[in-house]
Amino acid sequence: MPPSNYSLFLGIVSNLFKGVSFSYNRNPITLEPSFFHPYQILRDVSDPQTDFEKWVSGFPPGFVVNARSEMYRSRVGWIDRGVAENKLIKFEENERIVVAPRFDDETAIGIDSSSHYFVVCCLDNFTGGIEYLKQLTIPQSGYNREYKWHKLNPFYRSIIKSNFTTILNLSCSAMFAIRSNFINSDNTLTKDQMRGLIDGCFSGFKNDPDQNYEQRSDLRKMFFDLCDRNAVHCDPDFGQVDPGEVVRILVRTLSKKDDVFQICEPRHSRLRSHESLPIQLADCIVGSLREIHDSSGGYNSPLKPLYYDSRKLPRKYRSGASV
């Protein structure tokens, strides 16, 4: 039984992301890895000129006609169906819809720090992010062959920074970053400081019209729903606070609702960095974010700045705090 046009569509998105080799009039042709844009396959290719059009011209008869009516159908169209079934990722860049394959069934949390930055990345397609790093020809390093930001030379760092928004759109459903002098090379961060740093992101400002208490509470709940009961990957970067404790503090602090802790289930993944794709991807995201933010004052970063409630820090730390 031949595959349905919907299945063919999913295969087209996946094949284009990985790169395609085919034959046209007995001539071998290779399409380099790229993202799928819906209108690419909707135009007439009866007289194909480009390599992409030659590839599309080889699709089964009637496929393109069917795609014109089914791809955008509300809720049950091919794109929306693929997203609902966790088979596709859809996002918008430069006013164009971009569609890519989703490789992972569950969200994994990657936590990393980098010179004053503490970042939590909610990665719903981390394998796709790693595959994209491969397409960007970013090299791995070390005996275990892993992606390490501090091992990359300026050229490869610049490639990641140039594609930073695309990497986030492809692999990361949400993230928050804290910049503080408590996160430094001395690794003297305490548990109380970490609790206060996280709590301060989602508290206070009841009278601020743009970032009020209700909005902060909704934001906290969103991150709690993403982090609770999902595997959290964390390197031992925090000195006195070991990775398992970092995970417990993060999830428990996010669980607070009206200053009351809710039932939660922190899940610490004990994979080391060379075994964990979420740690490696988070490492590249955080390193890139730090350089982008520090060089531009944050103006070129896709992240939205939040006012910080330093009252959540223990009183003895407030005078020396920079958050």
Foldseek 3Di string as FASTA:
>chain_A
DDDDLLVVVLVVQACLQCKDWDAAPNRIDIHARDWDFLVLLQDDLPPPDDPSSSVSVPDDPPSSVVLVPQQPPPCRRSQNVCVVVQQWAWDDDPNTITIHGADAPAWEWAWDDDAQKTKIFTWRRLVSLVSVLVSLVFFFDDPLGFAAPVPGDPVSLVSCLVCLVVSCSRTTPDMDMGGKPLQHPVLPNDLLQLLLRLLQQQDDPCPDPPRHNVNSLVVLVVVLVSQFPHEYEYAQRRRPQGQVNSQVSNNQSSQDDPNDTDDTHRHYDPDHRSRDSSNSSVNSSNVSQVVVCVVPVCPPPPDDDDDTDSVSRPPVCSVVMDD
